[in-house]
Amino acid sequence: MKKILLFLCLAAFVASCGGKKEEKKDGFEVSRSKTEDKKADAKEGVPVDLDNKGVGPIKELVFPEEIDQEMVARGEASFNSICVACHMVDQRMIGPAMKGVYERRSPEWVMNMMLNPDVMLREDPIAKALLKEYNNAIMLNQNLTEEQARDLAEYLRTL
């Protein structure tokens, strides 16, 4: 009996989702399709700031010319297990898209956000603006080590 009831509910749900017909009306039309923009943060009111180093233990970080592939592999594994709950590479989700992050933020800011999100969200103006932009969805502290955060930072360079 439960299987039949479940089947009927599922069938009703599927039937209610299909068959919508669009009517073409003359005059004003609003398009609700989502468009992608590499500099989405800047477009939406969160300024691009490459001088802000954030609040936290990382005071200076200079990336070497050559990308360290071992760090990238570890960083990608961490990203896929931790970060994808809120971040995608190319699209906004609960948090900003990660592709091109170093065109919007300094490496120090990115590392400090990974290592110290609680304080960053309270004290850093960019982090506060992002919090507001993303509907107060806080970035949880993943308790990363500096080494793990550096691996993630190296991975983000490759996006």
N, C-alpha and C. Protein backbone atom coordinates (compact mmCIF):
# COMPACT_ATOMS: atom_id res chain seq x y z
N MET A 1 0.82 -1.19 0.00
CA MET A 1 0.00 0.00 0.00
C MET A 1 0.87 1.27 0.00
N LYS A 2 1.94 1.24 0.83
CA LYS A 2 2.83 2.40 0.89
C LYS A 2 3.51 2.64 -0.44
N LYS A 3 3.86 1.54 -1.13
CA LYS A 3 4.53 1.68 -2.43
C LYS A 3 3.59 2.33 -3.44
N ILE A 4 2.33 1.95 -3.40
CA ILE A 4 1.34 2.52 -4.34
C ILE A 4 1.16 4.00 -4.05
N LEU A 5 1.05 4.35 -2.77
CA LEU A 5 0.87 5.74 -2.39
C LEU A 5 2.10 6.57 -2.80
N LEU A 6 3.29 6.04 -2.57
CA LEU A 6 4.51 6.72 -2.97
C LEU A 6 4.56 6.90 -4.48
N PHE A 7 4.18 5.86 -5.23
CA PHE A 7 4.16 5.93 -6.69
C PHE A 7 3.19 7.00 -7.16
N LEU A 8 2.01 7.09 -6.55
CA LEU A 8 1.01 8.09 -6.94
C LEU A 8 1.51 9.51 -6.64
N CYS A 9 2.16 9.68 -5.49
CA CYS A 9 2.71 10.99 -5.15
C CYS A 9 3.79 11.40 -6.15
N LEU A 10 4.65 10.47 -6.49
CA LEU A 10 5.72 10.73 -7.45
C LEU A 10 5.13 11.06 -8.82
N ALA A 11 4.12 10.32 -9.24
CA ALA A 11 3.49 10.56 -10.53
C ALA A 11 2.82 11.93 -10.56
N ALA A 12 2.18 12.32 -9.46
CA ALA A 12 1.54 13.64 -9.38
C ALA A 12 2.58 14.75 -9.45
N PHE A 13 3.70 14.54 -8.78
CA PHE A 13 4.78 15.53 -8.80
C PHE A 13 5.32 15.71 -10.21
N VAL A 14 5.60 14.60 -10.89
CA VAL A 14 6.14 14.65 -12.25
C VAL A 14 5.14 15.32 -13.19
N ALA A 15 3.88 14.99 -13.04
CA ALA A 15 2.85 15.56 -13.91
C ALA A 15 2.71 17.06 -13.68
N SER A 16 2.86 17.50 -12.45
CA SER A 16 2.71 18.92 -12.16
C SER A 16 3.88 19.73 -12.66
N CYS A 17 5.04 19.11 -12.85
CA CYS A 17 6.23 19.84 -13.30
C CYS A 17 6.26 20.05 -14.80
N GLY A 18 5.61 19.24 -15.55
CA GLY A 18 5.70 19.34 -17.01
C GLY A 18 4.51 20.06 -17.60
N GLY A 19 4.58 20.26 -18.87
CA GLY A 19 3.45 20.77 -19.62
C GLY A 19 3.20 22.26 -19.49
N LYS A 20 4.11 23.02 -18.98
CA LYS A 20 3.90 24.46 -18.91
C LYS A 20 4.05 25.04 -20.30
N LYS A 21 3.13 25.88 -20.65
CA LYS A 21 3.18 26.53 -21.95
C LYS A 21 3.48 28.00 -21.74
N GLU A 22 4.44 28.49 -22.51
CA GLU A 22 4.78 29.91 -22.42
C GLU A 22 3.89 30.70 -23.37
N GLU A 23 3.40 31.81 -22.85
CA GLU A 23 2.62 32.70 -23.68
C GLU A 23 3.50 33.87 -24.09
N LYS A 24 3.48 34.19 -25.35
CA LYS A 24 4.24 35.33 -25.86
C LYS A 24 3.35 36.55 -25.77
N LYS A 25 3.81 37.54 -24.99
CA LYS A 25 3.04 38.76 -24.83
C LYS A 25 3.80 39.91 -25.44
N ASP A 26 3.07 40.85 -25.98
CA ASP A 26 3.69 42.05 -26.51
C ASP A 26 4.07 42.97 -25.36
N GLY A 27 5.13 43.70 -25.54
CA GLY A 27 5.51 44.68 -24.54
C GLY A 27 6.72 44.27 -23.73
N PHE A 28 6.70 44.65 -22.47
CA PHE A 28 7.84 44.48 -21.57
C PHE A 28 8.08 43.02 -21.24
N GLU A 29 9.35 42.61 -21.26
CA GLU A 29 9.70 41.23 -20.93
C GLU A 29 10.92 41.22 -20.02
N VAL A 30 10.90 40.35 -19.02
CA VAL A 30 12.01 40.22 -18.09
C VAL A 30 12.65 38.86 -18.29
N SER A 31 13.94 38.85 -18.46
CA SER A 31 14.67 37.59 -18.60
C SER A 31 15.30 37.26 -17.26
N ARG A 32 15.08 36.04 -16.77
CA ARG A 32 15.62 35.64 -15.48
C ARG A 32 16.74 34.63 -15.62
N SER A 33 17.35 34.54 -16.77
CA SER A 33 18.45 33.60 -16.95
C SER A 33 19.70 34.16 -16.29
N LYS A 34 20.50 33.27 -15.73
CA LYS A 34 21.71 33.65 -15.03
C LYS A 34 22.85 33.77 -16.02
N THR A 35 23.61 34.84 -15.90
CA THR A 35 24.78 35.01 -16.76
C THR A 35 26.02 34.96 -15.91
N GLU A 36 27.09 34.50 -16.49
CA GLU A 36 28.36 34.38 -15.78
C GLU A 36 29.24 35.59 -16.10
N ASP A 37 30.01 35.99 -15.13
CA ASP A 37 30.92 37.10 -15.28
C ASP A 37 32.16 36.81 -14.45
N LYS A 38 33.32 36.83 -15.07
CA LYS A 38 34.56 36.53 -14.36
C LYS A 38 34.78 37.47 -13.19
N LYS A 39 34.35 38.70 -13.33
CA LYS A 39 34.55 39.68 -12.27
C LYS A 39 33.21 39.94 -11.57
N ALA A 40 32.50 38.86 -11.25
CA ALA A 40 31.17 38.97 -10.66
C ALA A 40 31.18 39.78 -9.38
N ASP A 41 32.17 39.60 -8.52
CA ASP A 41 32.19 40.32 -7.26
C ASP A 41 32.21 41.82 -7.49
N ALA A 42 33.05 42.28 -8.41
CA ALA A 42 33.15 43.70 -8.67
C ALA A 42 31.84 44.23 -9.24
N LYS A 43 31.22 43.48 -10.11
CA LYS A 43 29.97 43.89 -10.73
C LYS A 43 28.86 44.00 -9.70
N GLU A 44 28.89 43.17 -8.67
CA GLU A 44 27.80 43.13 -7.71
C GLU A 44 28.04 44.03 -6.51
N GLY A 45 29.04 44.87 -6.55
CA GLY A 45 29.21 45.81 -5.47
C GLY A 45 30.33 45.49 -4.49
N VAL A 46 30.97 44.34 -4.58
CA VAL A 46 32.09 44.03 -3.72
C VAL A 46 33.34 44.47 -4.48
N PRO A 47 34.08 45.43 -3.93
CA PRO A 47 35.21 45.97 -4.69
C PRO A 47 36.35 44.97 -4.87
N VAL A 48 37.05 45.13 -5.97
CA VAL A 48 38.29 44.39 -6.20
C VAL A 48 39.36 45.12 -5.41
N ASP A 49 40.10 44.38 -4.58
CA ASP A 49 41.12 45.01 -3.76
C ASP A 49 42.31 44.07 -3.63
N LEU A 50 43.34 44.33 -4.40
CA LEU A 50 44.53 43.49 -4.38
C LEU A 50 45.54 43.94 -3.33
N ASP A 51 45.29 45.07 -2.67
CA ASP A 51 46.20 45.56 -1.64
C ASP A 51 45.81 45.08 -0.24
N ASN A 52 44.57 44.70 -0.06
CA ASN A 52 44.09 44.25 1.24
C ASN A 52 44.66 42.86 1.52
N LYS A 53 45.37 42.72 2.62
CA LYS A 53 45.98 41.43 2.97
C LYS A 53 45.13 40.66 3.97
N GLY A 54 44.04 41.26 4.43
CA GLY A 54 43.16 40.57 5.36
C GLY A 54 43.70 40.59 6.78
N VAL A 55 43.02 39.85 7.65
CA VAL A 55 43.36 39.79 9.06
C VAL A 55 43.71 38.35 9.38
N GLY A 56 44.93 38.13 9.82
CA GLY A 56 45.33 36.77 10.14
C GLY A 56 46.83 36.60 10.14
N PRO A 57 47.28 35.37 10.17
CA PRO A 57 48.71 35.10 10.33
C PRO A 57 49.55 35.37 9.08
N ILE A 58 48.95 35.42 7.91
CA ILE A 58 49.71 35.57 6.67
C ILE A 58 49.90 37.06 6.38
N LYS A 59 51.12 37.52 6.52
CA LYS A 59 51.43 38.94 6.29
C LYS A 59 51.99 39.18 4.90
N GLU A 60 52.67 38.17 4.35
CA GLU A 60 53.24 38.30 3.01
C GLU A 60 53.31 36.93 2.35
N LEU A 61 52.90 36.88 1.10
CA LEU A 61 52.98 35.64 0.32
C LEU A 61 53.29 36.03 -1.12
N VAL A 62 54.42 35.57 -1.59
CA VAL A 62 54.81 35.79 -2.98
C VAL A 62 54.87 34.42 -3.63
N PHE A 63 54.05 34.25 -4.66
CA PHE A 63 54.05 32.98 -5.38
C PHE A 63 55.30 32.87 -6.24
N PRO A 64 55.94 31.70 -6.26
CA PRO A 64 57.06 31.52 -7.19
C PRO A 64 56.53 31.47 -8.62
N GLU A 65 57.41 31.70 -9.57
CA GLU A 65 57.00 31.66 -10.99
C GLU A 65 56.36 30.33 -11.37
N GLU A 66 57.04 29.25 -10.98
CA GLU A 66 56.59 27.91 -11.37
C GLU A 66 55.57 27.37 -10.37
N ILE A 67 54.52 26.77 -10.90
CA ILE A 67 53.48 26.17 -10.06
C ILE A 67 53.97 24.81 -9.57
N ASP A 68 53.81 24.56 -8.29
CA ASP A 68 54.22 23.30 -7.67
C ASP A 68 53.08 22.29 -7.83
N GLN A 69 53.27 21.32 -8.72
CA GLN A 69 52.21 20.37 -9.05
C GLN A 69 51.83 19.45 -7.88
N GLU A 70 52.77 19.14 -7.00
CA GLU A 70 52.44 18.33 -5.83
C GLU A 70 51.50 19.09 -4.90
N MET A 71 51.78 20.37 -4.71
CA MET A 71 50.89 21.20 -3.89
C MET A 71 49.52 21.33 -4.55
N VAL A 72 49.51 21.47 -5.87
CA VAL A 72 48.26 21.58 -6.60
C VAL A 72 47.41 20.32 -6.39
N ALA A 73 48.03 19.16 -6.48
CA ALA A 73 47.30 17.90 -6.31
C ALA A 73 46.69 17.81 -4.90
N ARG A 74 47.47 18.17 -3.89
CA ARG A 74 46.94 18.15 -2.52
C ARG A 74 45.84 19.19 -2.36
N GLY A 75 46.06 20.38 -2.93
CA GLY A 75 45.07 21.45 -2.84
C GLY A 75 43.77 21.10 -3.54
N GLU A 76 43.89 20.47 -4.70
CA GLU A 76 42.68 20.06 -5.44
C GLU A 76 41.90 19.02 -4.65
N ALA A 77 42.60 18.08 -4.04
CA ALA A 77 41.93 17.06 -3.22
C ALA A 77 41.20 17.72 -2.05
N SER A 78 41.85 18.68 -1.41
CA SER A 78 41.20 19.39 -0.30
C SER A 78 40.00 20.19 -0.80
N PHE A 79 40.17 20.88 -1.92
CA PHE A 79 39.06 21.67 -2.48
C PHE A 79 37.86 20.77 -2.75
N ASN A 80 38.12 19.62 -3.37
CA ASN A 80 37.02 18.71 -3.72
C ASN A 80 36.37 18.05 -2.52
N SER A 81 37.07 17.98 -1.40
CA SER A 81 36.47 17.37 -0.22
C SER A 81 35.89 18.39 0.76
N ILE A 82 36.39 19.61 0.74
CA ILE A 82 35.95 20.61 1.72
C ILE A 82 35.18 21.76 1.07
N CYS A 83 35.75 22.36 0.07
CA CYS A 83 35.28 23.64 -0.45
C CYS A 83 34.06 23.55 -1.36
N VAL A 84 33.90 22.42 -2.07
CA VAL A 84 32.82 22.32 -3.05
C VAL A 84 31.43 22.34 -2.43
N ALA A 85 31.35 22.23 -1.12
CA ALA A 85 30.04 22.37 -0.47
C ALA A 85 29.49 23.78 -0.68
N CYS A 86 30.37 24.76 -0.82
CA CYS A 86 29.93 26.15 -0.96
C CYS A 86 30.48 26.88 -2.19
N HIS A 87 31.56 26.37 -2.77
CA HIS A 87 32.22 27.06 -3.89
C HIS A 87 32.30 26.15 -5.11
N MET A 88 32.10 26.75 -6.28
CA MET A 88 32.36 26.07 -7.54
C MET A 88 33.48 26.83 -8.23
N VAL A 89 34.09 26.21 -9.21
CA VAL A 89 35.19 26.85 -9.91
C VAL A 89 34.68 28.02 -10.75
N ASP A 90 33.67 27.79 -11.57
CA ASP A 90 33.22 28.78 -12.56
C ASP A 90 31.93 29.51 -12.22
N GLN A 91 31.23 29.12 -11.17
CA GLN A 91 29.92 29.70 -10.91
C GLN A 91 29.77 30.10 -9.45
N ARG A 92 28.96 31.13 -9.24
CA ARG A 92 28.56 31.49 -7.88
C ARG A 92 27.74 30.34 -7.32
N MET A 93 27.87 30.14 -6.04
CA MET A 93 27.01 29.16 -5.37
C MET A 93 26.66 29.79 -4.03
N ILE A 94 26.88 29.09 -2.95
CA ILE A 94 26.70 29.69 -1.64
C ILE A 94 27.78 30.75 -1.43
N GLY A 95 28.95 30.49 -1.99
CA GLY A 95 30.05 31.44 -1.96
C GLY A 95 30.50 31.78 -3.37
N PRO A 96 31.47 32.68 -3.50
CA PRO A 96 31.91 33.12 -4.83
C PRO A 96 32.60 32.01 -5.63
N ALA A 97 32.59 32.17 -6.95
CA ALA A 97 33.35 31.28 -7.83
C ALA A 97 34.83 31.50 -7.57
N MET A 98 35.61 30.44 -7.66
CA MET A 98 37.02 30.53 -7.32
C MET A 98 37.93 30.87 -8.50
N LYS A 99 37.44 30.66 -9.70
CA LYS A 99 38.26 30.97 -10.88
C LYS A 99 38.57 32.47 -10.90
N GLY A 100 39.83 32.79 -11.06
CA GLY A 100 40.24 34.19 -11.14
C GLY A 100 40.26 34.91 -9.80
N VAL A 101 40.27 34.17 -8.70
CA VAL A 101 40.23 34.81 -7.39
C VAL A 101 41.40 35.76 -7.17
N TYR A 102 42.57 35.45 -7.76
CA TYR A 102 43.73 36.31 -7.56
C TYR A 102 43.69 37.55 -8.46
N GLU A 103 42.67 37.67 -9.28
CA GLU A 103 42.43 38.91 -10.02
C GLU A 103 41.59 39.86 -9.16
N ARG A 104 40.99 39.34 -8.08
CA ARG A 104 40.12 40.13 -7.21
C ARG A 104 40.69 40.32 -5.81
N ARG A 105 41.51 39.37 -5.35
CA ARG A 105 42.02 39.36 -3.98
C ARG A 105 43.50 39.05 -3.96
N SER A 106 44.19 39.56 -2.95
CA SER A 106 45.61 39.25 -2.79
C SER A 106 45.78 37.83 -2.26
N PRO A 107 46.91 37.20 -2.53
CA PRO A 107 47.16 35.85 -2.01
C PRO A 107 47.08 35.81 -0.47
N GLU A 108 47.55 36.87 0.17
CA GLU A 108 47.50 36.92 1.64
C GLU A 108 46.05 36.93 2.12
N TRP A 109 45.20 37.72 1.44
CA TRP A 109 43.78 37.80 1.82
C TRP A 109 43.13 36.42 1.68
N VAL A 110 43.40 35.74 0.57
CA VAL A 110 42.81 34.42 0.34
C VAL A 110 43.25 33.44 1.43
N MET A 111 44.54 33.42 1.72
CA MET A 111 45.04 32.52 2.76
C MET A 111 44.45 32.87 4.13
N ASN A 112 44.40 34.15 4.47
CA ASN A 112 43.82 34.54 5.76
C ASN A 112 42.34 34.21 5.86
N MET A 113 41.62 34.29 4.74
CA MET A 113 40.21 33.91 4.75
C MET A 113 40.07 32.41 5.00
N MET A 114 40.97 31.61 4.45
CA MET A 114 40.93 30.16 4.68
C MET A 114 41.29 29.83 6.13
N LEU A 115 42.28 30.53 6.66
CA LEU A 115 42.80 30.20 7.98
C LEU A 115 42.04 30.87 9.13
N ASN A 116 41.44 32.00 8.86
CA ASN A 116 40.91 32.84 9.92
C ASN A 116 39.55 33.45 9.53
N PRO A 117 38.60 32.65 9.04
CA PRO A 117 37.36 33.23 8.52
C PRO A 117 36.52 33.95 9.58
N ASP A 118 36.55 33.48 10.81
CA ASP A 118 35.74 34.11 11.85
C ASP A 118 36.14 35.58 12.05
N VAL A 119 37.42 35.81 12.23
CA VAL A 119 37.91 37.18 12.45
C VAL A 119 37.78 38.00 11.17
N MET A 120 38.07 37.39 10.04
CA MET A 120 37.93 38.11 8.76
C MET A 120 36.51 38.62 8.58
N LEU A 121 35.52 37.79 8.87
CA LEU A 121 34.12 38.19 8.70
C LEU A 121 33.71 39.28 9.69
N ARG A 122 34.38 39.38 10.80
CA ARG A 122 34.08 40.43 11.79
C ARG A 122 34.82 41.73 11.49
N GLU A 123 36.06 41.63 10.95
CA GLU A 123 36.92 42.81 10.88
C GLU A 123 37.29 43.28 9.48
N ASP A 124 37.32 42.41 8.50
CA ASP A 124 37.80 42.79 7.17
C ASP A 124 36.65 43.35 6.33
N PRO A 125 36.82 44.53 5.74
CA PRO A 125 35.73 45.15 4.97
C PRO A 125 35.31 44.34 3.73
N ILE A 126 36.25 43.70 3.07
CA ILE A 126 35.90 42.89 1.89
C ILE A 126 35.13 41.65 2.32
N ALA A 127 35.59 40.99 3.37
CA ALA A 127 34.89 39.80 3.87
C ALA A 127 33.48 40.17 4.32
N LYS A 128 33.32 41.32 4.96
CA LYS A 128 31.99 41.78 5.38
C LYS A 128 31.09 42.03 4.17
N ALA A 129 31.66 42.64 3.13
CA ALA A 129 30.88 42.91 1.92
C ALA A 129 30.47 41.61 1.23
N LEU A 130 31.38 40.64 1.20
CA LEU A 130 31.04 39.33 0.61
C LEU A 130 29.98 38.62 1.43
N LEU A 131 30.05 38.72 2.74
CA LEU A 131 29.04 38.12 3.61
C LEU A 131 27.67 38.69 3.28
N LYS A 132 27.60 39.99 3.13
CA LYS A 132 26.34 40.65 2.78
C LYS A 132 25.88 40.21 1.38
N GLU A 133 26.82 40.19 0.43
CA GLU A 133 26.49 39.82 -0.95
C GLU A 133 25.95 38.39 -1.05
N TYR A 134 26.45 37.51 -0.21
CA TYR A 134 26.05 36.10 -0.26
C TYR A 134 25.09 35.74 0.86
N ASN A 135 24.17 36.68 1.14
CA ASN A 135 23.04 36.45 2.04
C ASN A 135 23.44 35.96 3.43
N ASN A 136 24.50 36.52 3.96
CA ASN A 136 24.99 36.18 5.30
C ASN A 136 25.34 34.71 5.46
N ALA A 137 25.73 34.06 4.38
CA ALA A 137 26.23 32.68 4.46
C ALA A 137 27.68 32.75 4.91
N ILE A 138 27.93 32.39 6.16
CA ILE A 138 29.27 32.51 6.70
C ILE A 138 30.17 31.40 6.18
N MET A 139 31.44 31.73 6.06
CA MET A 139 32.43 30.72 5.72
C MET A 139 32.86 30.07 7.03
N LEU A 140 32.65 28.79 7.12
CA LEU A 140 32.99 28.07 8.34
C LEU A 140 34.49 27.86 8.44
N ASN A 141 34.98 27.88 9.66
CA ASN A 141 36.39 27.63 9.90
C ASN A 141 36.65 26.13 9.75
N GLN A 142 37.45 25.77 8.78
CA GLN A 142 37.76 24.36 8.52
C GLN A 142 38.98 23.90 9.33
N ASN A 143 39.53 24.80 10.14
CA ASN A 143 40.70 24.49 10.98
C ASN A 143 41.86 23.93 10.14
N LEU A 144 42.12 24.59 9.03
CA LEU A 144 43.22 24.20 8.16
C LEU A 144 44.55 24.61 8.76
N THR A 145 45.57 23.85 8.47
CA THR A 145 46.92 24.27 8.81
C THR A 145 47.39 25.25 7.74
N GLU A 146 48.46 25.97 8.02
CA GLU A 146 49.00 26.88 7.00
C GLU A 146 49.44 26.10 5.77
N GLU A 147 49.97 24.90 5.97
CA GLU A 147 50.38 24.06 4.84
C GLU A 147 49.19 23.67 3.97
N GLN A 148 48.09 23.29 4.59
CA GLN A 148 46.89 22.91 3.83
C GLN A 148 46.34 24.13 3.07
N ALA A 149 46.32 25.27 3.73
CA ALA A 149 45.83 26.49 3.08
C ALA A 149 46.74 26.88 1.92
N ARG A 150 48.03 26.70 2.10
CA ARG A 150 48.98 27.03 1.01
C ARG A 150 48.77 26.10 -0.17
N ASP A 151 48.50 24.80 0.09
CA ASP A 151 48.20 23.86 -0.99
C ASP A 151 46.95 24.31 -1.75
N LEU A 152 45.93 24.71 -1.01
CA LEU A 152 44.70 25.21 -1.66
C LEU A 152 44.99 26.47 -2.46
N ALA A 153 45.80 27.36 -1.91
CA ALA A 153 46.15 28.59 -2.62
C ALA A 153 46.86 28.29 -3.92
N GLU A 154 47.74 27.29 -3.90
CA GLU A 154 48.45 26.90 -5.12
C GLU A 154 47.48 26.32 -6.14
N TYR A 155 46.53 25.51 -5.68
CA TYR A 155 45.52 24.97 -6.59
C TYR A 155 44.72 26.09 -7.23
N LEU A 156 44.32 27.08 -6.44
CA LEU A 156 43.52 28.19 -6.97
C LEU A 156 44.28 28.95 -8.06
N ARG A 157 45.59 28.94 -8.02
CA ARG A 157 46.38 29.59 -9.08
C ARG A 157 46.15 28.95 -10.43
N THR A 158 45.80 27.66 -10.44
CA THR A 158 45.67 26.93 -11.71
C THR A 158 44.29 27.09 -12.36
N LEU A 159 43.37 27.71 -11.67
CA LEU A 159 42.00 27.80 -12.21
C LEU A 159 41.87 28.88 -13.25
